[in-house]
Amino acid sequence: MVLAQPAQSLTDLLLGLVVLVLAVQLRRTPTVPRYWLPPFWWSGVAAVAGAFHHAVMVRWARPAEISWAVISVLVVVAVSYLLAATVREVLGPGRARVFWLLRSVGLAAYLGAAVSGHAGVTAMLTCESLTMLSVLGLWFHAARQHHPLARPVLAAVLASGAAAITKVVPAGITGRVGLDPTSAYHLAQIVGMALLYRAVSRRADTEPAEARPGQALRPPRP
C-alpha cells in the first residue's frame, strides 16, 4: 500500500517507536517513579496513531477529521499526565487541588472556544499550550528552589516547545533537508522526549533514595 503522506507518516512512526522504547526503559528502571511513565506511553501511542493518520486516513476528509480528533485527545491525556507528574515532583504528594486548578485553565479556554463557535482540534491543541505553560511555570519555580531535576526537565520541555516552531517554518526552508514542516516537527520532538527521558532516568544520581516521592497524583481520565 502506498502511503498517503510518506514523510509525515514515517517520521511520526519513528517518533512513536522511540518514545515507546524510552517508556519501556523507564519501566525497567526501579529508581524512576511510576508517575513519569504515562506521559511517555500516551505520547508514544499518539505518535503511532498519527503515523496511521498520515499514512491512510488523510485520503478522506471526514475520516481524517475524526482520526485527528482522536489523536488530539491522546495528546490531551499525555499533557495531563505530564502536568500531574510535574505537580507531584515539584510540590509533593497530596496536591490534587493544585493539579485540577492548573488543568482547568486549558479546559476552560477550550470551553470558551466551543461556546464562541470555534471548537475543533486546532482550538483544543492551542488551549493545551496553556497547560504546558503551567508545567513550565512549576519547573521555573522548582529551579528557584534548586530542585535537582529542574534544569534538565526545563531543557526538555523548552526543546519540545522549540520543535513546534518548525511547523510554522516555510516549507522552502525545511525542504532544503528534504522534509516538510510537519515531518521536521516530528523529528525535533524526538530530541525533547529524549532529553526528558535523560532527566527522569538520571534522577537517582541527583538525590538520595529517601527523598524520592512515592505514588503518583491521579490525572483525569480521557
Protein backbone atom coordinates (compact mmCIF):
# COMPACT_ATOMS: atom_id res chain seq x y z
CA MET A 1 0.00 0.00 0.00
CA VAL A 2 1.30 3.43 -0.93
CA LEU A 3 1.45 5.85 1.98
CA ALA A 4 -0.66 8.97 1.50
CA GLN A 5 1.92 11.18 3.21
CA PRO A 6 5.12 9.12 3.37
CA ALA A 7 7.46 11.56 5.11
CA GLN A 8 4.94 12.66 7.72
CA SER A 9 3.82 9.10 8.39
CA LEU A 10 7.31 7.60 8.71
CA THR A 11 8.67 10.41 10.91
CA ASP A 12 5.62 10.19 13.18
CA LEU A 13 6.11 6.43 13.39
CA LEU A 14 9.77 6.90 14.24
CA LEU A 15 8.82 9.38 16.95
CA GLY A 16 6.25 6.99 18.39
CA LEU A 17 8.57 3.99 18.40
CA VAL A 18 11.40 5.95 20.02
CA VAL A 19 9.13 7.28 22.76
CA LEU A 20 7.63 3.84 23.43
CA VAL A 21 11.12 2.35 23.71
CA LEU A 22 12.01 5.09 26.18
CA ALA A 23 8.87 4.24 28.16
CA VAL A 24 9.91 0.58 28.32
CA GLN A 25 13.37 1.57 29.51
CA LEU A 26 11.92 3.80 32.22
CA ARG A 27 9.66 0.98 33.34
CA ARG A 28 12.71 -1.23 33.77
CA THR A 29 14.44 1.40 35.93
CA PRO A 30 13.33 0.86 39.55
CA THR A 31 14.54 4.28 40.69
CA VAL A 32 12.13 6.11 38.38
CA PRO A 33 8.75 6.94 39.99
CA ARG A 34 5.84 5.32 38.18
CA TYR A 35 4.10 8.65 37.58
CA TRP A 36 6.69 9.51 34.94
CA LEU A 37 5.69 6.55 32.75
CA PRO A 38 2.22 7.64 31.45
CA PRO A 39 3.46 10.81 29.68
CA PHE A 40 5.76 8.61 27.60
CA TRP A 41 3.22 5.84 26.95
CA TRP A 42 0.48 8.23 25.84
CA SER A 43 2.82 10.40 23.76
CA GLY A 44 4.14 7.31 22.02
CA VAL A 45 0.67 5.99 21.29
CA ALA A 46 -0.40 9.41 19.97
CA ALA A 47 2.56 9.50 17.59
CA VAL A 48 1.91 5.97 16.30
CA ALA A 49 -1.74 6.90 15.77
CA GLY A 50 -0.51 9.99 13.94
CA ALA A 51 1.57 7.79 11.65
CA PHE A 52 -1.54 5.82 10.69
CA HIS A 53 -3.44 9.07 10.18
CA HIS A 54 -0.83 10.41 7.76
CA ALA A 55 -0.46 7.08 6.01
CA VAL A 56 -4.11 6.24 5.46
CA MET A 57 -6.79 8.44 6.98
CA VAL A 58 -5.85 11.69 5.22
CA ARG A 59 -7.18 10.21 1.98
CA TRP A 60 -10.74 11.02 3.09
CA ALA A 61 -11.84 14.33 4.58
CA ARG A 62 -14.36 13.24 7.20
CA PRO A 63 -12.45 10.16 8.47
CA ALA A 64 -9.34 12.34 8.66
CA GLU A 65 -11.19 14.82 10.88
CA ILE A 66 -12.31 12.02 13.18
CA SER A 67 -8.90 10.37 13.41
CA TRP A 68 -7.21 13.70 14.08
CA ALA A 69 -9.74 14.42 16.83
CA VAL A 70 -8.86 11.07 18.43
CA ILE A 71 -5.17 11.92 18.22
CA SER A 72 -5.80 15.29 19.82
CA VAL A 73 -7.50 13.54 22.76
CA LEU A 74 -4.44 11.30 23.15
CA VAL A 75 -2.28 14.41 23.23
CA VAL A 76 -4.55 15.97 25.87
CA VAL A 77 -4.20 12.87 28.05
CA ALA A 78 -0.40 12.86 27.62
CA VAL A 79 -0.19 16.54 28.61
CA SER A 80 -2.47 15.87 31.59
CA TYR A 81 -0.13 13.15 32.82
CA LEU A 82 2.89 15.40 32.30
CA LEU A 83 1.23 18.10 34.40
CA ALA A 84 0.31 15.52 37.06
CA ALA A 85 3.89 14.24 37.21
CA THR A 86 5.19 17.80 37.41
CA VAL A 87 2.85 18.72 40.27
CA ARG A 88 3.81 15.55 42.13
CA GLU A 89 7.52 16.07 41.53
CA VAL A 90 7.68 19.78 42.31
CA LEU A 91 5.04 20.21 45.02
CA GLY A 92 4.94 16.71 46.50
CA PRO A 93 2.02 14.35 47.22
CA GLY A 94 -1.46 15.46 48.16
CA ARG A 95 -1.65 18.33 45.66
CA ALA A 96 -4.67 17.20 43.67
CA ARG A 97 -6.33 20.60 44.09
CA VAL A 98 -3.35 22.33 42.51
CA PHE A 99 -3.40 19.87 39.64
CA TRP A 100 -7.10 20.42 38.93
CA LEU A 101 -6.74 24.19 39.24
CA LEU A 102 -3.94 24.30 36.67
CA ARG A 103 -5.58 21.71 34.44
CA SER A 104 -8.80 23.73 34.37
CA VAL A 105 -7.00 26.62 32.66
CA GLY A 106 -6.69 24.76 29.36
CA LEU A 107 -10.09 23.11 29.72
CA ALA A 108 -11.80 26.43 30.44
CA ALA A 109 -10.10 28.01 27.44
CA TYR A 110 -11.36 25.23 25.19
CA LEU A 111 -14.86 25.54 26.64
CA GLY A 112 -14.79 29.24 25.83
CA ALA A 113 -13.75 28.44 22.27
CA ALA A 114 -16.60 25.93 21.99
CA VAL A 115 -19.17 28.41 23.26
CA SER A 116 -17.96 31.02 20.78
CA GLY A 117 -18.27 28.54 17.93
CA HIS A 118 -14.56 27.91 17.45
CA ALA A 119 -14.35 24.38 18.80
CA GLY A 120 -12.12 21.98 16.96
CA VAL A 121 -8.85 20.13 17.01
CA THR A 122 -6.79 23.26 16.44
CA ALA A 123 -8.51 25.07 19.28
CA MET A 124 -8.02 22.07 21.58
CA LEU A 125 -4.31 21.83 20.88
CA THR A 126 -3.89 25.58 21.20
CA CYS A 127 -5.57 25.54 24.60
CA GLU A 128 -3.30 22.70 25.67
CA SER A 129 -0.39 25.10 25.27
CA LEU A 130 -1.80 26.91 28.32
CA THR A 131 -1.36 23.72 30.31
CA MET A 132 2.22 23.46 29.08
CA LEU A 133 2.78 27.00 30.35
CA SER A 134 1.67 25.75 33.77
CA VAL A 135 4.22 22.95 33.50
CA LEU A 136 6.93 25.46 32.64
CA GLY A 137 5.88 27.75 35.48
CA LEU A 138 6.14 24.93 38.01
CA TRP A 139 9.59 23.92 36.82
CA PHE A 140 10.83 27.51 36.87
CA HIS A 141 9.60 27.62 40.46
CA ALA A 142 11.43 24.35 41.10
CA ALA A 143 14.61 25.84 39.64
CA ARG A 144 14.42 28.69 42.12
CA GLN A 145 14.13 26.09 44.86
CA HIS A 146 17.18 24.27 43.47
CA HIS A 147 15.24 21.14 42.57
CA PRO A 148 17.77 18.69 41.05
CA LEU A 149 15.51 17.88 38.09
CA ALA A 150 14.53 21.47 37.30
CA ARG A 151 17.19 22.38 34.75
CA PRO A 152 17.21 19.12 32.76
CA VAL A 153 13.41 18.93 32.65
CA LEU A 154 13.15 22.59 31.65
CA ALA A 155 15.61 21.91 28.85
CA ALA A 156 13.42 19.02 27.67
CA VAL A 157 10.16 20.99 27.80
CA LEU A 158 11.70 24.01 26.09
CA ALA A 159 13.16 21.75 23.39
CA SER A 160 9.72 20.29 22.75
CA GLY A 161 8.29 23.79 22.59
CA ALA A 162 11.01 24.90 20.20
CA ALA A 163 10.19 21.92 17.99
CA ALA A 164 6.76 23.43 17.40
CA ILE A 165 8.43 26.34 15.64
CA THR A 166 9.29 24.01 12.78
CA LYS A 167 5.58 23.71 11.95
CA VAL A 168 5.42 27.39 11.01
CA VAL A 169 8.74 27.48 9.19
CA PRO A 170 8.26 27.95 5.42
CA ALA A 171 8.37 24.66 3.55
CA GLY A 172 11.14 26.03 1.38
CA ILE A 173 13.49 26.12 4.37
CA THR A 174 12.80 22.64 5.72
CA GLY A 175 12.71 21.40 2.13
CA ARG A 176 16.44 22.02 1.89
CA VAL A 177 16.91 18.91 4.03
CA GLY A 178 14.19 17.00 2.22
CA LEU A 179 11.48 17.47 4.87
CA ASP A 180 8.18 19.29 5.13
CA PRO A 181 7.50 21.32 8.32
CA THR A 182 5.36 18.60 9.92
CA SER A 183 7.98 15.89 9.35
CA ALA A 184 10.68 18.18 10.74
CA TYR A 185 8.47 18.76 13.78
CA HIS A 186 8.19 15.02 14.40
CA LEU A 187 11.94 14.57 14.32
CA ALA A 188 12.53 17.62 16.52
CA GLN A 189 10.12 16.21 19.10
CA ILE A 190 12.37 13.18 19.48
CA VAL A 191 15.03 15.48 20.92
CA GLY A 192 12.64 16.85 23.55
CA MET A 193 11.42 13.41 24.61
CA ALA A 194 14.98 12.06 24.73
CA LEU A 195 16.01 14.94 26.98
CA LEU A 196 13.03 14.30 29.25
CA TYR A 197 13.96 10.63 29.43
CA ARG A 198 17.55 11.53 30.29
CA ALA A 199 16.40 13.88 33.04
CA VAL A 200 13.98 11.42 34.60
CA SER A 201 16.20 8.37 34.29
CA ARG A 202 19.10 10.12 35.98
CA ARG A 203 17.14 11.33 38.99
CA ALA A 204 18.76 8.53 41.02
CA ASP A 205 22.12 10.30 40.55
CA THR A 206 20.81 13.66 41.80
CA GLU A 207 19.05 12.86 45.07
CA PRO A 208 19.14 10.30 47.89
CA ALA A 209 16.77 7.37 47.81
CA GLU A 210 14.82 8.56 50.84
CA ALA A 211 14.00 11.84 49.06
CA ARG A 212 12.25 10.21 46.13
CA PRO A 213 8.49 10.72 46.01
CA GLY A 214 6.08 7.84 46.20
CA GLN A 215 2.80 7.34 44.38
CA ALA A 216 1.62 9.49 41.53
CA LEU A 217 -1.08 12.11 41.55
CA ARG A 218 -4.08 10.68 39.72
CA PRO A 219 -4.74 12.60 36.49
CA PRO A 220 -8.11 12.85 34.81
CA ARG A 221 -9.41 10.04 32.71
CA PRO A 222 -9.83 10.65 28.97
